[in-house]
Amino acid sequence: MLTSPKDTNWTVAGAKARLSEVIERAQSSPQTITKNGKPSVVVVSAEEWQRKTARKGTLAEFLLDSPLRGADLDLERQRDEPRDLPL
């Protein structure tokens, strides 16, 4: 249950009983639901979720922008024999 209006932590029982309030408060700040006294899930607004999960470019762009690009790393593959696995 919430202990004060600014509190953002809920028990599972409290969140179930006041789900509309959890959702309403999640529009302005993340709401944490605890289970057995430990944080279990966080409820955030759809807008916040989209912002956090939006792709920020392609893998190629990420690799091209890498600070390791041009670092002349030795990435030679080991040529060990395959290991025997039990059947």
PDB file of N, CA and C in Angstrom:
ATOM      1  N   MET A   1       0.836  -1.186   0.000  1.00  0.00           N
ATOM      2  CA  MET A   1       0.000   0.000   0.000  1.00  0.00           C
ATOM      3  C   MET A   1       0.876   1.242   0.000  1.00  0.00           C
ATOM      4  N   LEU A   2       0.370   2.299  -0.507  1.00  0.00           N
ATOM      5  CA  LEU A   2       1.121   3.554  -0.488  1.00  0.00           C
ATOM      6  C   LEU A   2       1.117   4.122   0.924  1.00  0.00           C
ATOM      7  N   THR A   3       2.226   4.784   1.275  1.00  0.00           N
ATOM      8  CA  THR A   3       2.297   5.386   2.603  1.00  0.00           C
ATOM      9  C   THR A   3       2.123   6.891   2.545  1.00  0.00           C
ATOM     10  N   SER A   4       2.395   7.495   1.395  1.00  0.00           N
ATOM     11  CA  SER A   4       2.189   8.928   1.232  1.00  0.00           C
ATOM     12  C   SER A   4       1.869   9.208  -0.227  1.00  0.00           C
ATOM     13  N   PRO A   5       1.282  10.375  -0.530  1.00  0.00           N
ATOM     14  CA  PRO A   5       0.908  10.679  -1.910  1.00  0.00           C
ATOM     15  C   PRO A   5       2.080  10.655  -2.890  1.00  0.00           C
ATOM     16  N   LYS A   6       3.298  10.956  -2.414  1.00  0.00           N
ATOM     17  CA  LYS A   6       4.448  10.984  -3.313  1.00  0.00           C
ATOM     18  C   LYS A   6       5.117   9.619  -3.427  1.00  0.00           C
ATOM     19  N   ASP A   7       4.709   8.659  -2.595  1.00  0.00           N
ATOM     20  CA  ASP A   7       5.285   7.326  -2.615  1.00  0.00           C
ATOM     21  C   ASP A   7       4.941   6.637  -3.933  1.00  0.00           C
ATOM     22  N   THR A   8       5.886   5.908  -4.486  1.00  0.00           N
ATOM     23  CA  THR A   8       5.654   5.225  -5.756  1.00  0.00           C
ATOM     24  C   THR A   8       5.740   3.712  -5.612  1.00  0.00           C
ATOM     25  N   ASN A   9       5.764   3.214  -4.378  1.00  0.00           N
ATOM     26  CA  ASN A   9       5.841   1.779  -4.132  1.00  0.00           C
ATOM     27  C   ASN A   9       4.486   1.241  -3.692  1.00  0.00           C
ATOM     28  N   TRP A  10       4.108   0.114  -4.273  1.00  0.00           N
ATOM     29  CA  TRP A  10       2.841  -0.534  -3.979  1.00  0.00           C
ATOM     30  C   TRP A  10       3.086  -2.004  -3.667  1.00  0.00           C
ATOM     31  N   THR A  11       2.292  -2.558  -2.782  1.00  0.00           N
ATOM     32  CA  THR A  11       2.280  -4.006  -2.618  1.00  0.00           C
ATOM     33  C   THR A  11       1.382  -4.559  -3.721  1.00  0.00           C
ATOM     34  N   VAL A  12       1.481  -5.857  -3.975  1.00  0.00           N
ATOM     35  CA  VAL A  12       0.609  -6.467  -4.986  1.00  0.00           C
ATOM     36  C   VAL A  12      -0.852  -6.260  -4.596  1.00  0.00           C
ATOM     37  N   ALA A  13      -1.178  -6.485  -3.337  1.00  0.00           N
ATOM     38  CA  ALA A  13      -2.561  -6.331  -2.884  1.00  0.00           C
ATOM     39  C   ALA A  13      -3.034  -4.891  -3.047  1.00  0.00           C
ATOM     40  N   GLY A  14      -2.174  -3.939  -2.673  1.00  0.00           N
ATOM     41  CA  GLY A  14      -2.537  -2.532  -2.805  1.00  0.00           C
ATOM     42  C   GLY A  14      -2.720  -2.122  -4.255  1.00  0.00           C
ATOM     43  N   ALA A  15      -1.854  -2.617  -5.129  1.00  0.00           N
ATOM     44  CA  ALA A  15      -1.956  -2.286  -6.553  1.00  0.00           C
ATOM     45  C   ALA A  15      -3.222  -2.895  -7.154  1.00  0.00           C
ATOM     46  N   LYS A  16      -3.560  -4.114  -6.752  1.00  0.00           N
ATOM     47  CA  LYS A  16      -4.782  -4.745  -7.265  1.00  0.00           C
ATOM     48  C   LYS A  16      -6.018  -3.976  -6.823  1.00  0.00           C
ATOM     49  N   ALA A  17      -6.008  -3.547  -5.571  1.00  0.00           N
ATOM     50  CA  ALA A  17      -7.170  -2.842  -5.029  1.00  0.00           C
ATOM     51  C   ALA A  17      -7.329  -1.444  -5.628  1.00  0.00           C
ATOM     52  N   ARG A  18      -6.215  -0.847  -6.058  1.00  0.00           N
ATOM     53  CA  ARG A  18      -6.271   0.545  -6.550  1.00  0.00           C
ATOM     54  C   ARG A  18      -5.581   0.671  -7.906  1.00  0.00           C
ATOM     55  N   LEU A  19      -5.864  -0.290  -8.800  1.00  0.00           N
ATOM     56  CA  LEU A  19      -5.206  -0.338 -10.097  1.00  0.00           C
ATOM     57  C   LEU A  19      -5.379   0.950 -10.890  1.00  0.00           C
ATOM     58  N   SER A  20      -6.564   1.532 -10.861  1.00  0.00           N
ATOM     59  CA  SER A  20      -6.786   2.787 -11.589  1.00  0.00           C
ATOM     60  C   SER A  20      -5.843   3.876 -11.099  1.00  0.00           C
ATOM     61  N   GLU A  21      -5.612   3.929  -9.797  1.00  0.00           N
ATOM     62  CA  GLU A  21      -4.714   4.937  -9.243  1.00  0.00           C
ATOM     63  C   GLU A  21      -3.266   4.654  -9.640  1.00  0.00           C
ATOM     64  N   VAL A  22      -2.878   3.380  -9.641  1.00  0.00           N
ATOM     65  CA  VAL A  22      -1.527   3.005 -10.082  1.00  0.00           C
ATOM     66  C   VAL A  22      -1.309   3.489 -11.516  1.00  0.00           C
ATOM     67  N   ILE A  23      -2.284   3.214 -12.384  1.00  0.00           N
ATOM     68  CA  ILE A  23      -2.184   3.615 -13.789  1.00  0.00           C
ATOM     69  C   ILE A  23      -2.128   5.131 -13.914  1.00  0.00           C
ATOM     70  N   GLU A  24      -2.962   5.814 -13.170  1.00  0.00           N
ATOM     71  CA  GLU A  24      -2.986   7.278 -13.228  1.00  0.00           C
ATOM     72  C   GLU A  24      -1.642   7.864 -12.790  1.00  0.00           C
ATOM     73  N   ARG A  25      -1.092   7.345 -11.711  1.00  0.00           N
ATOM     74  CA  ARG A  25       0.187   7.861 -11.213  1.00  0.00           C
ATOM     75  C   ARG A  25       1.341   7.501 -12.140  1.00  0.00           C
ATOM     76  N   ALA A  26       1.223   6.369 -12.839  1.00  0.00           N
ATOM     77  CA  ALA A  26       2.279   5.949 -13.766  1.00  0.00           C
ATOM     78  C   ALA A  26       2.403   6.901 -14.948  1.00  0.00           C
ATOM     79  N   GLN A  27       1.378   7.699 -15.195  1.00  0.00           N
ATOM     80  CA  GLN A  27       1.452   8.675 -16.271  1.00  0.00           C
ATOM     81  C   GLN A  27       2.492   9.752 -15.984  1.00  0.00           C
ATOM     82  N   SER A  28       2.774   9.998 -14.707  1.00  0.00           N
ATOM     83  CA  SER A  28       3.741  11.034 -14.359  1.00  0.00           C
ATOM     84  C   SER A  28       5.041  10.489 -13.775  1.00  0.00           C
ATOM     85  N   SER A  29       5.014   9.287 -13.188  1.00  0.00           N
ATOM     86  CA  SER A  29       6.250   8.701 -12.672  1.00  0.00           C
ATOM     87  C   SER A  29       6.093   7.190 -12.542  1.00  0.00           C
ATOM     88  N   PRO A  30       7.175   6.449 -12.720  1.00  0.00           N
ATOM     89  CA  PRO A  30       7.100   4.986 -12.622  1.00  0.00           C
ATOM     90  C   PRO A  30       6.596   4.539 -11.256  1.00  0.00           C
ATOM     91  N   GLN A  31       5.791   3.479 -11.244  1.00  0.00           N
ATOM     92  CA  GLN A  31       5.225   2.926 -10.026  1.00  0.00           C
ATOM     93  C   GLN A  31       5.778   1.511  -9.830  1.00  0.00           C
ATOM     94  N   THR A  32       6.386   1.264  -8.675  1.00  0.00           N
ATOM     95  CA  THR A  32       6.980  -0.029  -8.388  1.00  0.00           C
ATOM     96  C   THR A  32       6.008  -0.876  -7.583  1.00  0.00           C
ATOM     97  N   ILE A  33       5.819  -2.108  -8.020  1.00  0.00           N
ATOM     98  CA  ILE A  33       4.974  -3.049  -7.283  1.00  0.00           C
ATOM     99  C   ILE A  33       5.905  -4.084  -6.671  1.00  0.00           C
ATOM    100  N   THR A  34       5.770  -4.254  -5.352  1.00  0.00           N
ATOM    101  CA  THR A  34       6.627  -5.185  -4.632  1.00  0.00           C
ATOM    102  C   THR A  34       5.887  -6.481  -4.347  1.00  0.00           C
ATOM    103  N   LYS A  35       6.655  -7.548  -4.280  1.00  0.00           N
ATOM    104  CA  LYS A  35       6.108  -8.867  -3.928  1.00  0.00           C
ATOM    105  C   LYS A  35       7.021  -9.435  -2.851  1.00  0.00           C
ATOM    106  N   ASN A  36       6.447  -9.807  -1.749  1.00  0.00           N
ATOM    107  CA  ASN A  36       7.208 -10.298  -0.598  1.00  0.00           C
ATOM    108  C   ASN A  36       8.273  -9.289  -0.168  1.00  0.00           C
ATOM    109  N   GLY A  37       7.930  -8.001  -0.257  1.00  0.00           N
ATOM    110  CA  GLY A  37       8.812  -6.951   0.202  1.00  0.00           C
ATOM    111  C   GLY A  37       9.928  -6.563  -0.756  1.00  0.00           C
ATOM    112  N   LYS A  38       9.988  -7.212  -1.923  1.00  0.00           N
ATOM    113  CA  LYS A  38      11.041  -6.918  -2.888  1.00  0.00           C
ATOM    114  C   LYS A  38      10.429  -6.373  -4.171  1.00  0.00           C
ATOM    115  N   PRO A  39      11.080  -5.393  -4.818  1.00  0.00           N
ATOM    116  CA  PRO A  39      10.559  -4.875  -6.089  1.00  0.00           C
ATOM    117  C   PRO A  39      10.376  -6.003  -7.095  1.00  0.00           C
ATOM    118  N   SER A  40       9.211  -6.044  -7.732  1.00  0.00           N
ATOM    119  CA  SER A  40       8.901  -7.104  -8.684  1.00  0.00           C
ATOM    120  C   SER A  40       8.697  -6.573 -10.096  1.00  0.00           C
ATOM    121  N   VAL A  41       7.892  -5.531 -10.223  1.00  0.00           N
ATOM    122  CA  VAL A  41       7.631  -4.930 -11.536  1.00  0.00           C
ATOM    123  C   VAL A  41       7.526  -3.424 -11.391  1.00  0.00           C
ATOM    124  N   VAL A  42       7.684  -2.746 -12.530  1.00  0.00           N
ATOM    125  CA  VAL A  42       7.518  -1.299 -12.571  1.00  0.00           C
ATOM    126  C   VAL A  42       6.483  -0.985 -13.641  1.00  0.00           C
ATOM    127  N   VAL A  43       5.506  -0.172 -13.275  1.00  0.00           N
ATOM    128  CA  VAL A  43       4.476   0.261 -14.211  1.00  0.00           C
ATOM    129  C   VAL A  43       4.845   1.659 -14.689  1.00  0.00           C
ATOM    130  N   VAL A  44       4.951   1.812 -16.024  1.00  0.00           N
ATOM    131  CA  VAL A  44       5.253   3.114 -16.605  1.00  0.00           C
ATOM    132  C   VAL A  44       4.200   3.438 -17.653  1.00  0.00           C
ATOM    133  N   SER A  45       4.120   4.706 -18.025  1.00  0.00           N
ATOM    134  CA  SER A  45       3.175   5.110 -19.054  1.00  0.00           C
ATOM    135  C   SER A  45       3.599   4.529 -20.399  1.00  0.00           C
ATOM    136  N   ALA A  46       2.644   4.394 -21.306  1.00  0.00           N
ATOM    137  CA  ALA A  46       2.946   3.900 -22.644  1.00  0.00           C
ATOM    138  C   ALA A  46       3.942   4.823 -23.333  1.00  0.00           C
ATOM    139  N   GLU A  47       3.811   6.123 -23.109  1.00  0.00           N
ATOM    140  CA  GLU A  47       4.737   7.104 -23.705  1.00  0.00           C
ATOM    141  C   GLU A  47       6.166   6.869 -23.226  1.00  0.00           C
ATOM    142  N   GLU A  48       6.327   6.649 -21.917  1.00  0.00           N
ATOM    143  CA  GLU A  48       7.654   6.392 -21.358  1.00  0.00           C
ATOM    144  C   GLU A  48       8.219   5.089 -21.909  1.00  0.00           C
ATOM    145  N   TRP A  49       7.394   4.048 -22.014  1.00  0.00           N
ATOM    146  CA  TRP A  49       7.833   2.758 -22.549  1.00  0.00           C
ATOM    147  C   TRP A  49       8.327   2.918 -23.987  1.00  0.00           C
ATOM    148  N   GLN A  50       7.568   3.641 -24.807  1.00  0.00           N
ATOM    149  CA  GLN A  50       7.970   3.869 -26.193  1.00  0.00           C
ATOM    150  C   GLN A  50       9.295   4.622 -26.263  1.00  0.00           C
ATOM    151  N   ARG A  51       9.444   5.601 -25.414  1.00  0.00           N
ATOM    152  CA  ARG A  51      10.669   6.397 -25.401  1.00  0.00           C
ATOM    153  C   ARG A  51      11.882   5.540 -25.026  1.00  0.00           C
ATOM    154  N   LYS A  52      11.710   4.669 -24.038  1.00  0.00           N
ATOM    155  CA  LYS A  52      12.818   3.843 -23.560  1.00  0.00           C
ATOM    156  C   LYS A  52      13.159   2.705 -24.516  1.00  0.00           C
ATOM    157  N   THR A  53      12.186   2.215 -25.282  1.00  0.00           N
ATOM    158  CA  THR A  53      12.421   1.056 -26.129  1.00  0.00           C
ATOM    159  C   THR A  53      12.588   1.402 -27.601  1.00  0.00           C
ATOM    160  N   ALA A  54      12.512   2.673 -27.941  1.00  0.00           N
ATOM    161  CA  ALA A  54      12.641   3.071 -29.342  1.00  0.00           C
ATOM    162  C   ALA A  54      14.053   2.769 -29.857  1.00  0.00           C
ATOM    163  N   ARG A  55      14.107   2.248 -31.075  1.00  0.00           N
ATOM    164  CA  ARG A  55      15.401   1.960 -31.694  1.00  0.00           C
ATOM    165  C   ARG A  55      16.106   3.264 -32.011  1.00  0.00           C
ATOM    166  N   LYS A  56      17.373   3.304 -31.712  1.00  0.00           N
ATOM    167  CA  LYS A  56      18.155   4.520 -31.909  1.00  0.00           C
ATOM    168  C   LYS A  56      19.190   4.301 -33.001  1.00  0.00           C
ATOM    169  N   GLY A  57      18.752   3.868 -34.169  1.00  0.00           N
ATOM    170  CA  GLY A  57      19.657   3.630 -35.285  1.00  0.00           C
ATOM    171  C   GLY A  57      19.800   2.148 -35.566  1.00  0.00           C
ATOM    172  N   THR A  58      20.577   1.848 -36.579  1.00  0.00           N
ATOM    173  CA  THR A  58      20.780   0.469 -36.991  1.00  0.00           C
ATOM    174  C   THR A  58      22.038  -0.101 -36.344  1.00  0.00           C
ATOM    175  N   LEU A  59      22.200  -1.401 -36.438  1.00  0.00           N
ATOM    176  CA  LEU A  59      23.408  -2.044 -35.928  1.00  0.00           C
ATOM    177  C   LEU A  59      24.631  -1.532 -36.690  1.00  0.00           C
ATOM    178  N   ALA A  60      24.486  -1.347 -37.992  1.00  0.00           N
ATOM    179  CA  ALA A  60      25.599  -0.839 -38.794  1.00  0.00           C
ATOM    180  C   ALA A  60      26.028   0.548 -38.308  1.00  0.00           C
ATOM    181  N   GLU A  61      25.068   1.417 -38.018  1.00  0.00           N
ATOM    182  CA  GLU A  61      25.395   2.753 -37.516  1.00  0.00           C
ATOM    183  C   GLU A  61      26.101   2.675 -36.169  1.00  0.00           C
ATOM    184  N   PHE A  62      25.622   1.777 -35.307  1.00  0.00           N
ATOM    185  CA  PHE A  62      26.240   1.589 -34.001  1.00  0.00           C
ATOM    186  C   PHE A  62      27.696   1.160 -34.149  1.00  0.00           C
ATOM    187  N   LEU A  63      27.934   0.188 -35.029  1.00  0.00           N
ATOM    188  CA  LEU A  63      29.290  -0.305 -35.213  1.00  0.00           C
ATOM    189  C   LEU A  63      30.197   0.756 -35.852  1.00  0.00           C
ATOM    190  N   LEU A  64      29.647   1.517 -36.794  1.00  0.00           N
ATOM    191  CA  LEU A  64      30.439   2.572 -37.419  1.00  0.00           C
ATOM    192  C   LEU A  64      30.802   3.680 -36.437  1.00  0.00           C
ATOM    193  N   ASP A  65      29.940   3.931 -35.456  1.00  0.00           N
ATOM    194  CA  ASP A  65      30.173   4.976 -34.457  1.00  0.00           C
ATOM    195  C   ASP A  65      30.968   4.485 -33.251  1.00  0.00           C
ATOM    196  N   SER A  66      31.322   3.207 -33.231  1.00  0.00           N
ATOM    197  CA  SER A  66      32.006   2.624 -32.086  1.00  0.00           C
ATOM    198  C   SER A  66      33.352   3.300 -31.846  1.00  0.00           C
ATOM    199  N   PRO A  67      33.678   3.572 -30.593  1.00  0.00           N
ATOM    200  CA  PRO A  67      34.994   4.148 -30.289  1.00  0.00           C
ATOM    201  C   PRO A  67      36.126   3.161 -30.575  1.00  0.00           C
ATOM    202  N   LEU A  68      35.796   1.874 -30.753  1.00  0.00           N
ATOM    203  CA  LEU A  68      36.819   0.874 -31.052  1.00  0.00           C
ATOM    204  C   LEU A  68      37.119   0.781 -32.546  1.00  0.00           C
ATOM    205  N   ARG A  69      36.323   1.468 -33.367  1.00  0.00           N
ATOM    206  CA  ARG A  69      36.548   1.434 -34.806  1.00  0.00           C
ATOM    207  C   ARG A  69      37.929   2.018 -35.104  1.00  0.00           C
ATOM    208  N   GLY A  70      38.711   1.272 -35.842  1.00  0.00           N
ATOM    209  CA  GLY A  70      40.045   1.719 -36.194  1.00  0.00           C
ATOM    210  C   GLY A  70      41.063   1.528 -35.084  1.00  0.00           C
ATOM    211  N   ALA A  71      40.706   0.792 -34.027  1.00  0.00           N
ATOM    212  CA  ALA A  71      41.611   0.605 -32.897  1.00  0.00           C
ATOM    213  C   ALA A  71      42.657  -0.472 -33.184  1.00  0.00           C
ATOM    214  N   ASP A  72      42.573  -1.108 -34.353  1.00  0.00           N
ATOM    215  CA  ASP A  72      43.529  -2.126 -34.766  1.00  0.00           C
ATOM    216  C   ASP A  72      43.638  -3.248 -33.742  1.00  0.00           C
ATOM    217  N   LEU A  73      42.477  -3.781 -33.345  1.00  0.00           N
ATOM    218  CA  LEU A  73      42.440  -4.892 -32.398  1.00  0.00           C
ATOM    219  C   LEU A  73      42.831  -6.180 -33.098  1.00  0.00           C
ATOM    220  N   ASP A  74      43.505  -7.070 -32.391  1.00  0.00           N
ATOM    221  CA  ASP A  74      43.861  -8.378 -32.932  1.00  0.00           C
ATOM    222  C   ASP A  74      42.711  -9.332 -32.637  1.00  0.00           C
ATOM    223  N   LEU A  75      41.889  -9.591 -33.635  1.00  0.00           N
ATOM    224  CA  LEU A  75      40.713 -10.431 -33.454  1.00  0.00           C
ATOM    225  C   LEU A  75      40.869 -11.774 -34.157  1.00  0.00           C
ATOM    226  N   GLU A  76      42.063 -12.292 -34.187  1.00  0.00           N
ATOM    227  CA  GLU A  76      42.330 -13.550 -34.862  1.00  0.00           C
ATOM    228  C   GLU A  76      41.674 -14.696 -34.099  1.00  0.00           C
ATOM    229  N   ARG A  77      41.040 -15.578 -34.841  1.00  0.00           N
ATOM    230  CA  ARG A  77      40.343 -16.713 -34.247  1.00  0.00           C
ATOM    231  C   ARG A  77      41.338 -17.812 -33.905  1.00  0.00           C
ATOM    232  N   GLN A  78      41.115 -18.451 -32.756  1.00  0.00           N
ATOM    233  CA  GLN A  78      41.959 -19.576 -32.367  1.00  0.00           C
ATOM    234  C   GLN A  78      41.661 -20.757 -33.275  1.00  0.00           C
ATOM    235  N   ARG A  79      42.670 -21.518 -33.592  1.00  0.00           N
ATOM    236  CA  ARG A  79      42.516 -22.661 -34.491  1.00  0.00           C
ATOM    237  C   ARG A  79      42.652 -23.981 -33.730  1.00  0.00           C
ATOM    238  N   ASP A  80      42.113 -24.054 -32.518  1.00  0.00           N
ATOM    239  CA  ASP A  80      42.168 -25.271 -31.712  1.00  0.00           C
ATOM    240  C   ASP A  80      41.357 -26.371 -32.366  1.00  0.00           C
ATOM    241  N   GLU A  81      41.740 -27.609 -32.037  1.00  0.00           N
ATOM    242  CA  GLU A  81      40.964 -28.760 -32.489  1.00  0.00           C
ATOM    243  C   GLU A  81      39.644 -28.800 -31.734  1.00  0.00           C
ATOM    244  N   PRO A  82      38.597 -29.344 -32.368  1.00  0.00           N
ATOM    245  CA  PRO A  82      37.317 -29.459 -31.654  1.00  0.00           C
ATOM    246  C   PRO A  82      37.452 -30.372 -30.446  1.00  0.00           C
ATOM    247  N   ARG A  83      36.692 -30.104 -29.421  1.00  0.00           N
ATOM    248  CA  ARG A  83      36.757 -30.931 -28.218  1.00  0.00           C
ATOM    249  C   ARG A  83      35.847 -32.149 -28.365  1.00  0.00           C
ATOM    250  N   ASP A  84      36.161 -33.208 -27.664  1.00  0.00           N
ATOM    251  CA  ASP A  84      35.341 -34.417 -27.682  1.00  0.00           C
ATOM    252  C   ASP A  84      34.183 -34.237 -26.715  1.00  0.00           C
ATOM    253  N   LEU A  85      32.995 -34.559 -27.164  1.00  0.00           N
ATOM    254  CA  LEU A  85      31.818 -34.483 -26.328  1.00  0.00           C
ATOM    255  C   LEU A  85      31.298 -35.884 -26.028  1.00  0.00           C
ATOM    256  N   PRO A  86      30.855 -36.125 -24.800  1.00  0.00           N
ATOM    257  CA  PRO A  86      30.311 -37.457 -24.486  1.00  0.00           C
ATOM    258  C   PRO A  86      29.000 -37.675 -25.255  1.00  0.00           C
ATOM    259  N   LEU A  87      28.799 -38.913 -25.665  1.00  0.00           N
ATOM    260  CA  LEU A  87      27.574 -39.249 -26.406  1.00  0.00           C
ATOM    261  C   LEU A  87      26.478 -39.673 -25.499  1.00  0.00           C
TER     262      LEU A  87
END
